[in-house]
Amino acid sequence: EIAEHDDKVADASAAVAAAAAKAAVLRDEIAQLERDAVPLREARARAARLVADHLQSAYRLAGEDFFRLLMNDESVDRLERMARYHRYFSAAQVDALERYNKALAALAVQEETLEQRVTEATASEAEHSRRIAALEDLRGENTDLLARVKEEQKDRAQERDRLEADRQRLESLLAAISRKALGLDGRSFAQSRGRLPWPVDGKVTHAFGSPRAGGRLRWNGIVVGAPDGAEFRAVQSGRVVFADWLRGFGLLTIVDHGNSFMTLYGQAEILTRA
């Protein structure tokens, strides 16, 4: 039951990470669309001003004075000059209107795309929140499940027997892995003794060699109280030879560093397989 629950938590944690990544991509795309819309809005404003200027000029030229000139003015040269000006302003007005229409069309496309991305981002953020809530529910269920199991294992002798079985199970696994040695050079690992980095940041809750099971057994590893979902790292380069759930150790990763040196990382919330 714990194994099944751990798998559910792993899936939910991966889904939260995927939803967060999708939301981040959409936010970046929205920001870029907003930046791209700025010059389009400026172009629309310039085109609008140009249209307004030409309309005012055309009105002044083609208004009442121009028609009165057609009816009453006897100067042919002046009449021809005014007619040329009128044609010029009419052509310029058409050009200004075309520019304005193009700016409007481009901006409309940009704003429609932006609106779609905002809608997608809103939905993605809601999905992200929903998945986080589901993950927290699963974590709560896991806590309750583990508490129930712990309650059932109050008998120290039973706990010792369980831990011994877990140890034997792990030792059998390590023996099987050792028989399939990869031929890696472990000298670098041996030379790094005492200088290896921590696999994860957190407070040590159980030190190596500290008592457990009522003093009948000792911790043969280190337990670090890391935050939920914290990433752990191999302390040195090597090859992953095991990555799966193992009773007593939860989701477990074993890394072979060569020359019989291996490091083990248990109780993970999620394992990322390349």
C-alpha atoms as a PDB file:
ATOM      1  CA  GLU A   1       0.000   0.000   0.000  1.00  0.00           C
ATOM      2  CA  ILE A   2       2.898   2.336   0.785  1.00  0.00           C
ATOM      3  CA  ALA A   3       4.548   1.465  -2.533  1.00  0.00           C
ATOM      4  CA  GLU A   4       1.336   2.261  -4.406  1.00  0.00           C
ATOM      5  CA  HIS A   5       0.980   5.546  -2.545  1.00  0.00           C
ATOM      6  CA  ASP A   6       4.618   6.492  -3.220  1.00  0.00           C
ATOM      7  CA  ASP A   7       3.990   5.945  -6.935  1.00  0.00           C
ATOM      8  CA  LYS A   8       0.953   8.237  -6.791  1.00  0.00           C
ATOM      9  CA  VAL A   9       2.955  10.945  -5.008  1.00  0.00           C
ATOM     10  CA  ALA A  10       5.735  10.600  -7.601  1.00  0.00           C
ATOM     11  CA  ASP A  11       3.245  10.990 -10.468  1.00  0.00           C
ATOM     12  CA  ALA A  12       1.555  13.965  -8.790  1.00  0.00           C
ATOM     13  CA  SER A  13       4.908  15.635  -8.072  1.00  0.00           C
ATOM     14  CA  ALA A  14       5.954  15.211 -11.715  1.00  0.00           C
ATOM     15  CA  ALA A  15       2.603  16.631 -12.858  1.00  0.00           C
ATOM     16  CA  VAL A  16       3.083  19.681 -10.605  1.00  0.00           C
ATOM     17  CA  ALA A  17       6.538  20.272 -12.064  1.00  0.00           C
ATOM     18  CA  ALA A  18       5.199  19.922 -15.635  1.00  0.00           C
ATOM     19  CA  ALA A  19       2.307  22.312 -14.934  1.00  0.00           C
ATOM     20  CA  ALA A  20       4.680  24.847 -13.393  1.00  0.00           C
ATOM     21  CA  ALA A  21       7.008  24.615 -16.410  1.00  0.00           C
ATOM     22  CA  LYS A  22       4.082  25.108 -18.821  1.00  0.00           C
ATOM     23  CA  ALA A  23       2.852  28.124 -16.850  1.00  0.00           C
ATOM     24  CA  ALA A  24       6.349  29.628 -16.895  1.00  0.00           C
ATOM     25  CA  VAL A  25       6.597  29.209 -20.691  1.00  0.00           C
ATOM     26  CA  LEU A  26       3.210  30.887 -21.160  1.00  0.00           C
ATOM     27  CA  ARG A  27       4.182  33.763 -18.870  1.00  0.00           C
ATOM     28  CA  ASP A  28       7.375  34.315 -20.884  1.00  0.00           C
ATOM     29  CA  GLU A  29       5.397  34.207 -24.143  1.00  0.00           C
ATOM     30  CA  ILE A  30       2.859  36.722 -22.782  1.00  0.00           C
ATOM     31  CA  ALA A  31       5.676  39.061 -21.744  1.00  0.00           C
ATOM     32  CA  GLN A  32       7.197  38.828 -25.234  1.00  0.00           C
ATOM     33  CA  LEU A  33       3.811  39.467 -26.878  1.00  0.00           C
ATOM     34  CA  GLU A  34       3.353  42.531 -24.655  1.00  0.00           C
ATOM     35  CA  ARG A  35       6.774  43.816 -25.721  1.00  0.00           C
ATOM     36  CA  ASP A  36       5.975  43.150 -29.397  1.00  0.00           C
ATOM     37  CA  ALA A  37       2.661  45.003 -29.082  1.00  0.00           C
ATOM     38  CA  VAL A  38       4.332  48.252 -27.973  1.00  0.00           C
ATOM     39  CA  PRO A  39       5.746  49.242 -31.414  1.00  0.00           C
ATOM     40  CA  LEU A  40       2.476  48.166 -33.070  1.00  0.00           C
ATOM     41  CA  ARG A  41       0.484  50.473 -30.780  1.00  0.00           C
ATOM     42  CA  GLU A  42       2.943  53.279 -31.498  1.00  0.00           C
ATOM     43  CA  ALA A  43       2.598  52.668 -35.257  1.00  0.00           C
ATOM     44  CA  ARG A  44      -1.181  52.784 -34.925  1.00  0.00           C
ATOM     45  CA  ALA A  45      -0.965  56.100 -33.037  1.00  0.00           C
ATOM     46  CA  ARG A  46       1.367  57.601 -35.669  1.00  0.00           C
ATOM     47  CA  ALA A  47      -0.926  56.447 -38.473  1.00  0.00           C
ATOM     48  CA  ALA A  48      -3.948  57.907 -36.665  1.00  0.00           C
ATOM     49  CA  ARG A  49      -2.225  61.277 -36.301  1.00  0.00           C
ATOM     50  CA  LEU A  50      -1.259  61.213 -39.984  1.00  0.00           C
ATOM     51  CA  VAL A  51      -4.843  60.461 -41.019  1.00  0.00           C
ATOM     52  CA  ALA A  52      -6.116  63.286 -38.823  1.00  0.00           C
ATOM     53  CA  ASP A  53      -3.606  65.762 -40.287  1.00  0.00           C
ATOM     54  CA  HIS A  54      -4.527  64.861 -43.860  1.00  0.00           C
ATOM     55  CA  LEU A  55      -8.241  65.037 -43.124  1.00  0.00           C
ATOM     56  CA  GLN A  56      -7.829  68.499 -41.661  1.00  0.00           C
ATOM     57  CA  SER A  57      -5.729  69.624 -44.624  1.00  0.00           C
ATOM     58  CA  ALA A  58      -8.174  68.126 -47.132  1.00  0.00           C
ATOM     59  CA  TYR A  59     -11.091  69.795 -45.400  1.00  0.00           C
ATOM     60  CA  ARG A  60      -9.391  73.161 -45.448  1.00  0.00           C
ATOM     61  CA  LEU A  61      -8.564  72.753 -49.140  1.00  0.00           C
ATOM     62  CA  ALA A  62     -11.791  71.121 -50.310  1.00  0.00           C
ATOM     63  CA  GLY A  63     -14.213  73.110 -48.161  1.00  0.00           C
ATOM     64  CA  GLU A  64     -16.381  76.048 -49.010  1.00  0.00           C
ATOM     65  CA  ASP A  65     -13.518  78.255 -50.270  1.00  0.00           C
ATOM     66  CA  PHE A  66     -12.438  75.711 -52.872  1.00  0.00           C
ATOM     67  CA  PHE A  67     -15.914  75.387 -54.411  1.00  0.00           C
ATOM     68  CA  ARG A  68     -16.436  79.125 -54.334  1.00  0.00           C
ATOM     69  CA  LEU A  69     -13.133  79.388 -56.192  1.00  0.00           C
ATOM     70  CA  LEU A  70     -14.410  76.978 -58.842  1.00  0.00           C
ATOM     71  CA  MET A  71     -17.490  79.133 -59.371  1.00  0.00           C
ATOM     72  CA  ASN A  72     -16.070  82.607 -59.094  1.00  0.00           C
ATOM     73  CA  ASP A  73     -12.283  82.731 -59.510  1.00  0.00           C
ATOM     74  CA  GLU A  74     -11.140  83.849 -62.941  1.00  0.00           C
ATOM     75  CA  SER A  75      -7.459  82.887 -62.380  1.00  0.00           C
ATOM     76  CA  VAL A  76      -6.829  79.681 -64.378  1.00  0.00           C
ATOM     77  CA  ASP A  77      -3.339  79.218 -62.988  1.00  0.00           C
ATOM     78  CA  ARG A  78      -4.520  79.454 -59.420  1.00  0.00           C
ATOM     79  CA  LEU A  79      -7.392  77.093 -60.110  1.00  0.00           C
ATOM     80  CA  GLU A  80      -5.062  74.471 -61.639  1.00  0.00           C
ATOM     81  CA  ARG A  81      -2.646  74.815 -58.735  1.00  0.00           C
ATOM     82  CA  MET A  82      -5.433  74.297 -56.193  1.00  0.00           C
ATOM     83  CA  ALA A  83      -6.689  71.276 -58.119  1.00  0.00           C
ATOM     84  CA  ARG A  84      -3.204  69.710 -58.083  1.00  0.00           C
ATOM     85  CA  TYR A  85      -2.966  70.331 -54.331  1.00  0.00           C
ATOM     86  CA  HIS A  86      -6.358  68.748 -53.831  1.00  0.00           C
ATOM     87  CA  ARG A  87      -5.337  65.627 -55.747  1.00  0.00           C
ATOM     88  CA  TYR A  88      -2.103  65.453 -53.785  1.00  0.00           C
ATOM     89  CA  PHE A  89      -3.904  65.678 -50.456  1.00  0.00           C
ATOM     90  CA  SER A  90      -6.452  63.083 -51.562  1.00  0.00           C
ATOM     91  CA  ALA A  91      -3.699  60.623 -52.495  1.00  0.00           C
ATOM     92  CA  ALA A  92      -1.836  61.294 -49.258  1.00  0.00           C
ATOM     93  CA  GLN A  93      -5.062  60.779 -47.330  1.00  0.00           C
ATOM     94  CA  VAL A  94      -5.620  57.376 -48.984  1.00  0.00           C
ATOM     95  CA  ASP A  95      -2.028  56.367 -48.171  1.00  0.00           C
ATOM     96  CA  ALA A  96      -2.454  57.440 -44.553  1.00  0.00           C
ATOM     97  CA  LEU A  97      -5.668  55.465 -44.279  1.00  0.00           C
ATOM     98  CA  GLU A  98      -3.961  52.361 -45.696  1.00  0.00           C
ATOM     99  CA  ARG A  99      -1.158  52.674 -43.164  1.00  0.00           C
ATOM    100  CA  TYR A 100      -3.661  53.057 -40.365  1.00  0.00           C
ATOM    101  CA  ASN A 101      -5.642  50.011 -41.529  1.00  0.00           C
ATOM    102  CA  LYS A 102      -2.466  47.902 -41.720  1.00  0.00           C
ATOM    103  CA  ALA A 103      -1.431  48.994 -38.220  1.00  0.00           C
ATOM    104  CA  LEU A 104      -4.904  48.163 -36.915  1.00  0.00           C
ATOM    105  CA  ALA A 105      -4.860  44.708 -38.550  1.00  0.00           C
ATOM    106  CA  ALA A 106      -1.390  43.851 -37.221  1.00  0.00           C
ATOM    107  CA  LEU A 107      -2.306  45.022 -33.733  1.00  0.00           C
ATOM    108  CA  ALA A 108      -5.583  43.086 -33.815  1.00  0.00           C
ATOM    109  CA  VAL A 109      -3.721  39.855 -34.625  1.00  0.00           C
ATOM    110  CA  GLN A 110      -1.187  40.550 -31.884  1.00  0.00           C
ATOM    111  CA  GLU A 111      -3.832  41.330 -29.275  1.00  0.00           C
ATOM    112  CA  GLU A 112      -5.900  38.281 -30.228  1.00  0.00           C
ATOM    113  CA  THR A 113      -2.843  36.058 -29.778  1.00  0.00           C
ATOM    114  CA  LEU A 114      -2.084  37.793 -26.490  1.00  0.00           C
ATOM    115  CA  GLU A 115      -5.645  37.243 -25.265  1.00  0.00           C
ATOM    116  CA  GLN A 116      -5.428  33.545 -26.158  1.00  0.00           C
ATOM    117  CA  ARG A 117      -2.162  33.165 -24.274  1.00  0.00           C
ATOM    118  CA  VAL A 118      -3.559  34.962 -21.222  1.00  0.00           C
ATOM    119  CA  THR A 119      -6.534  32.580 -21.244  1.00  0.00           C
ATOM    120  CA  GLU A 120      -4.201  29.585 -21.563  1.00  0.00           C
ATOM    121  CA  ALA A 121      -1.986  30.914 -18.774  1.00  0.00           C
ATOM    122  CA  THR A 122      -4.987  31.406 -16.483  1.00  0.00           C
ATOM    123  CA  ALA A 123      -6.124  27.835 -17.139  1.00  0.00           C
ATOM    124  CA  SER A 124      -2.568  26.553 -16.653  1.00  0.00           C
ATOM    125  CA  GLU A 125      -2.203  28.378 -13.333  1.00  0.00           C
ATOM    126  CA  ALA A 126      -5.540  26.940 -12.172  1.00  0.00           C
ATOM    127  CA  GLU A 127      -4.405  23.449 -13.221  1.00  0.00           C
ATOM    128  CA  HIS A 128      -1.118  23.992 -11.387  1.00  0.00           C
ATOM    129  CA  SER A 129      -2.974  24.997  -8.210  1.00  0.00           C
ATOM    130  CA  ARG A 130      -5.279  21.992  -8.530  1.00  0.00           C
ATOM    131  CA  ARG A 131      -2.349  19.623  -8.919  1.00  0.00           C
ATOM    132  CA  ILE A 132      -0.562  21.166  -5.927  1.00  0.00           C
ATOM    133  CA  ALA A 133      -3.698  20.646  -3.824  1.00  0.00           C
ATOM    134  CA  ALA A 134      -3.941  17.034  -5.033  1.00  0.00           C
ATOM    135  CA  LEU A 135      -0.255  16.489  -4.221  1.00  0.00           C
ATOM    136  CA  GLU A 136      -0.708  17.901  -0.716  1.00  0.00           C
ATOM    137  CA  ASP A 137      -3.708  15.601  -0.202  1.00  0.00           C
ATOM    138  CA  LEU A 138      -1.605  12.617  -1.268  1.00  0.00           C
ATOM    139  CA  ARG A 139       1.205  13.672   1.044  1.00  0.00           C
ATOM    140  CA  GLY A 140      -1.295  13.918   3.867  1.00  0.00           C
ATOM    141  CA  GLU A 141      -2.618  10.455   3.073  1.00  0.00           C
ATOM    142  CA  ASN A 142       0.957   9.159   2.997  1.00  0.00           C
ATOM    143  CA  THR A 143       1.614  10.680   6.407  1.00  0.00           C
ATOM    144  CA  ASP A 144      -1.537   9.080   7.795  1.00  0.00           C
ATOM    145  CA  LEU A 145      -0.647   5.745   6.228  1.00  0.00           C
ATOM    146  CA  LEU A 146       2.879   5.795   7.622  1.00  0.00           C
ATOM    147  CA  ALA A 147       1.531   6.811  11.041  1.00  0.00           C
ATOM    148  CA  ARG A 148      -0.805   3.825  10.971  1.00  0.00           C
ATOM    149  CA  VAL A 149       2.021   1.503   9.969  1.00  0.00           C
ATOM    150  CA  LYS A 150       4.203   2.917  12.738  1.00  0.00           C
ATOM    151  CA  GLU A 151       1.421   2.394  15.246  1.00  0.00           C
ATOM    152  CA  GLU A 152       1.191  -1.215  14.158  1.00  0.00           C
ATOM    153  CA  GLN A 153       4.938  -1.664  14.640  1.00  0.00           C
ATOM    154  CA  LYS A 154       5.278  -0.469  18.211  1.00  0.00           C
ATOM    155  CA  ASP A 155       6.549  -3.846  19.234  1.00  0.00           C
ATOM    156  CA  ARG A 156      10.326  -3.327  19.187  1.00  0.00           C
ATOM    157  CA  ALA A 157      11.057  -6.958  18.442  1.00  0.00           C
ATOM    158  CA  GLN A 158       8.783  -6.816  15.413  1.00  0.00           C
ATOM    159  CA  GLU A 159      10.492  -3.608  14.268  1.00  0.00           C
ATOM    160  CA  ARG A 160      13.928  -5.210  14.688  1.00  0.00           C
ATOM    161  CA  ASP A 161      12.866  -8.220  12.642  1.00  0.00           C
ATOM    162  CA  ARG A 162      11.486  -5.920   9.932  1.00  0.00           C
ATOM    163  CA  LEU A 163      14.674  -3.872   9.817  1.00  0.00           C
ATOM    164  CA  GLU A 164      16.797  -6.990   9.659  1.00  0.00           C
ATOM    165  CA  ALA A 165      14.684  -8.239   6.757  1.00  0.00           C
ATOM    166  CA  ASP A 166      15.070  -4.871   5.025  1.00  0.00           C
ATOM    167  CA  ARG A 167      18.835  -5.008   5.538  1.00  0.00           C
ATOM    168  CA  GLN A 168      19.072  -8.536   4.152  1.00  0.00           C
ATOM    169  CA  ARG A 169      16.916  -7.547   1.200  1.00  0.00           C
ATOM    170  CA  LEU A 170      19.214  -4.623   0.432  1.00  0.00           C
ATOM    171  CA  GLU A 171      22.374  -6.666   0.923  1.00  0.00           C
ATOM    172  CA  SER A 172      21.064  -9.288  -1.507  1.00  0.00           C
ATOM    173  CA  LEU A 173      20.412  -6.533  -4.035  1.00  0.00           C
ATOM    174  CA  LEU A 174      23.900  -5.077  -3.565  1.00  0.00           C
ATOM    175  CA  ALA A 175      25.470  -8.536  -3.923  1.00  0.00           C
ATOM    176  CA  ALA A 176      23.604  -9.067  -7.197  1.00  0.00           C
ATOM    177  CA  ILE A 177      24.749  -5.643  -8.437  1.00  0.00           C
ATOM    178  CA  SER A 178      28.372  -6.361  -7.440  1.00  0.00           C
ATOM    179  CA  ARG A 179      28.376  -9.529  -9.514  1.00  0.00           C
ATOM    180  CA  LYS A 180      27.659  -7.330 -12.532  1.00  0.00           C
ATOM    181  CA  ALA A 181      30.568  -4.939 -11.954  1.00  0.00           C
ATOM    182  CA  LEU A 182      30.846  -2.281 -14.644  1.00  0.00           C
ATOM    183  CA  GLY A 183      34.625  -1.966 -14.458  1.00  0.00           C
ATOM    184  CA  LEU A 184      34.524   1.696 -13.429  1.00  0.00           C
ATOM    185  CA  ASP A 185      37.632   3.279 -11.907  1.00  0.00           C
ATOM    186  CA  GLY A 186      36.833   4.079  -8.275  1.00  0.00           C
ATOM    187  CA  ARG A 187      40.152   5.711  -7.363  1.00  0.00           C
ATOM    188  CA  SER A 188      38.731   9.218  -7.658  1.00  0.00           C
ATOM    189  CA  PHE A 189      35.910   8.310  -5.301  1.00  0.00           C
ATOM    190  CA  ALA A 190      38.324   6.814  -2.755  1.00  0.00           C
ATOM    191  CA  GLN A 191      40.540   9.900  -2.904  1.00  0.00           C
ATOM    192  CA  SER A 192      37.526  12.133  -2.187  1.00  0.00           C
ATOM    193  CA  ARG A 193      36.836  10.547   1.175  1.00  0.00           C
ATOM    194  CA  GLY A 194      35.869  13.190   3.687  1.00  0.00           C
ATOM    195  CA  ARG A 195      35.381  15.789   0.959  1.00  0.00           C
ATOM    196  CA  LEU A 196      32.253  14.513  -0.783  1.00  0.00           C
ATOM    197  CA  PRO A 197      29.348  16.985  -1.041  1.00  0.00           C
ATOM    198  CA  TRP A 198      25.959  16.425   0.571  1.00  0.00           C
ATOM    199  CA  PRO A 199      23.394  14.901  -1.784  1.00  0.00           C
ATOM    200  CA  VAL A 200      20.663  17.242  -0.517  1.00  0.00           C
ATOM    201  CA  ASP A 201      20.375  20.286   1.728  1.00  0.00           C
ATOM    202  CA  GLY A 202      18.713  19.704   5.080  1.00  0.00           C
ATOM    203  CA  LYS A 203      19.161  18.860   8.736  1.00  0.00           C
ATOM    204  CA  VAL A 204      20.567  15.454   9.704  1.00  0.00           C
ATOM    205  CA  THR A 205      17.819  13.703  11.673  1.00  0.00           C
ATOM    206  CA  HIS A 206      19.680  10.390  12.126  1.00  0.00           C
ATOM    207  CA  ALA A 207      23.478  10.199  12.073  1.00  0.00           C
ATOM    208  CA  PHE A 208      25.471   7.183  10.967  1.00  0.00           C
ATOM    209  CA  GLY A 209      25.835   4.720  13.854  1.00  0.00           C
ATOM    210  CA  SER A 210      23.092   6.277  15.989  1.00  0.00           C
ATOM    211  CA  PRO A 211      20.777   3.781  17.745  1.00  0.00           C
ATOM    212  CA  ARG A 212      17.418   2.663  16.392  1.00  0.00           C
ATOM    213  CA  ALA A 213      14.795   0.033  17.209  1.00  0.00           C
ATOM    214  CA  GLY A 214      15.179   0.727  20.916  1.00  0.00           C
ATOM    215  CA  GLY A 215      18.982   0.445  20.761  1.00  0.00           C
ATOM    216  CA  ARG A 216      18.959  -3.031  19.300  1.00  0.00           C
ATOM    217  CA  LEU A 217      20.202  -1.800  15.917  1.00  0.00           C
ATOM    218  CA  ARG A 218      22.267   1.090  14.530  1.00  0.00           C
ATOM    219  CA  TRP A 219      21.714   3.398  11.612  1.00  0.00           C
ATOM    220  CA  ASN A 220      23.974   2.293   8.741  1.00  0.00           C
ATOM    221  CA  GLY A 221      23.311   5.460   6.778  1.00  0.00           C
ATOM    222  CA  ILE A 222      22.443   9.116   7.213  1.00  0.00           C
ATOM    223  CA  VAL A 223      18.885  10.479   7.243  1.00  0.00           C
ATOM    224  CA  VAL A 224      18.504  14.097   6.088  1.00  0.00           C
ATOM    225  CA  GLY A 225      15.261  15.975   6.751  1.00  0.00           C
ATOM    226  CA  ALA A 226      14.952  17.730   3.377  1.00  0.00           C
ATOM    227  CA  PRO A 227      11.894  19.759   2.277  1.00  0.00           C
ATOM    228  CA  ASP A 228       9.155  17.982   0.340  1.00  0.00           C
ATOM    229  CA  GLY A 229      10.081  17.688  -3.333  1.00  0.00           C
ATOM    230  CA  ALA A 230      13.749  18.656  -2.774  1.00  0.00           C
ATOM    231  CA  GLU A 231      16.114  17.423  -5.492  1.00  0.00           C
ATOM    232  CA  PHE A 232      18.983  15.150  -4.476  1.00  0.00           C
ATOM    233  CA  ARG A 233      22.247  14.754  -6.374  1.00  0.00           C
ATOM    234  CA  ALA A 234      24.802  11.972  -6.625  1.00  0.00           C
ATOM    235  CA  VAL A 235      27.850  12.916  -4.521  1.00  0.00           C
ATOM    236  CA  GLN A 236      30.184  11.987  -7.401  1.00  0.00           C
ATOM    237  CA  SER A 237      30.017  10.763 -10.967  1.00  0.00           C
ATOM    238  CA  GLY A 238      29.147   7.148 -11.584  1.00  0.00           C
ATOM    239  CA  ARG A 239      26.537   4.946 -13.213  1.00  0.00           C
ATOM    240  CA  VAL A 240      22.994   4.383 -11.968  1.00  0.00           C
ATOM    241  CA  VAL A 241      22.601   0.645 -11.481  1.00  0.00           C
ATOM    242  CA  PHE A 242      19.265   0.628  -9.647  1.00  0.00           C
ATOM    243  CA  ALA A 243      16.321   3.048  -9.563  1.00  0.00           C
ATOM    244  CA  ASP A 244      13.092   1.586  -8.210  1.00  0.00           C
ATOM    245  CA  TRP A 245      10.986   1.110  -5.106  1.00  0.00           C
ATOM    246  CA  LEU A 246      12.459  -1.231  -2.473  1.00  0.00           C
ATOM    247  CA  ARG A 247      10.623  -2.188   0.691  1.00  0.00           C
ATOM    248  CA  GLY A 248      12.075  -0.382   3.679  1.00  0.00           C
ATOM    249  CA  PHE A 249      13.816   2.246   1.542  1.00  0.00           C
ATOM    250  CA  GLY A 250      11.032   3.683  -0.632  1.00  0.00           C
ATOM    251  CA  LEU A 251      12.110   4.994  -4.030  1.00  0.00           C
ATOM    252  CA  LEU A 252      15.805   4.079  -4.095  1.00  0.00           C
ATOM    253  CA  THR A 253      18.672   5.006  -6.412  1.00  0.00           C
ATOM    254  CA  ILE A 254      22.014   3.172  -6.337  1.00  0.00           C
ATOM    255  CA  VAL A 255      25.042   4.664  -8.100  1.00  0.00           C
ATOM    256  CA  ASP A 256      28.143   2.560  -8.858  1.00  0.00           C
ATOM    257  CA  HIS A 257      31.390   4.569  -8.621  1.00  0.00           C
ATOM    258  CA  GLY A 258      33.746   1.665  -9.360  1.00  0.00           C
ATOM    259  CA  ASN A 259      36.034  -0.587  -7.251  1.00  0.00           C
ATOM    260  CA  SER A 260      33.023  -1.740  -5.163  1.00  0.00           C
ATOM    261  CA  PHE A 261      32.189   1.829  -4.139  1.00  0.00           C
ATOM    262  CA  MET A 262      28.474   2.573  -4.315  1.00  0.00           C
ATOM    263  CA  THR A 263      26.234   5.284  -2.909  1.00  0.00           C
ATOM    264  CA  LEU A 264      22.559   4.762  -2.102  1.00  0.00           C
ATOM    265  CA  TYR A 265      19.784   7.389  -1.967  1.00  0.00           C
ATOM    266  CA  GLY A 266      16.492   6.266  -0.465  1.00  0.00           C
ATOM    267  CA  GLN A 267      13.065   7.649   0.484  1.00  0.00           C
ATOM    268  CA  ALA A 268      12.913   9.885  -2.606  1.00  0.00           C
ATOM    269  CA  GLU A 269       9.619  11.435  -3.595  1.00  0.00           C
ATOM    270  CA  ILE A 270      10.251  11.046  -7.338  1.00  0.00           C
ATOM    271  CA  LEU A 271      12.848   9.372  -9.560  1.00  0.00           C
ATOM    272  CA  THR A 272      13.592  10.980 -12.922  1.00  0.00           C
ATOM    273  CA  ARG A 273      14.522   8.417 -15.505  1.00  0.00           C
ATOM    274  CA  ALA A 274      16.483   9.662 -18.549  1.00  0.00           C
END
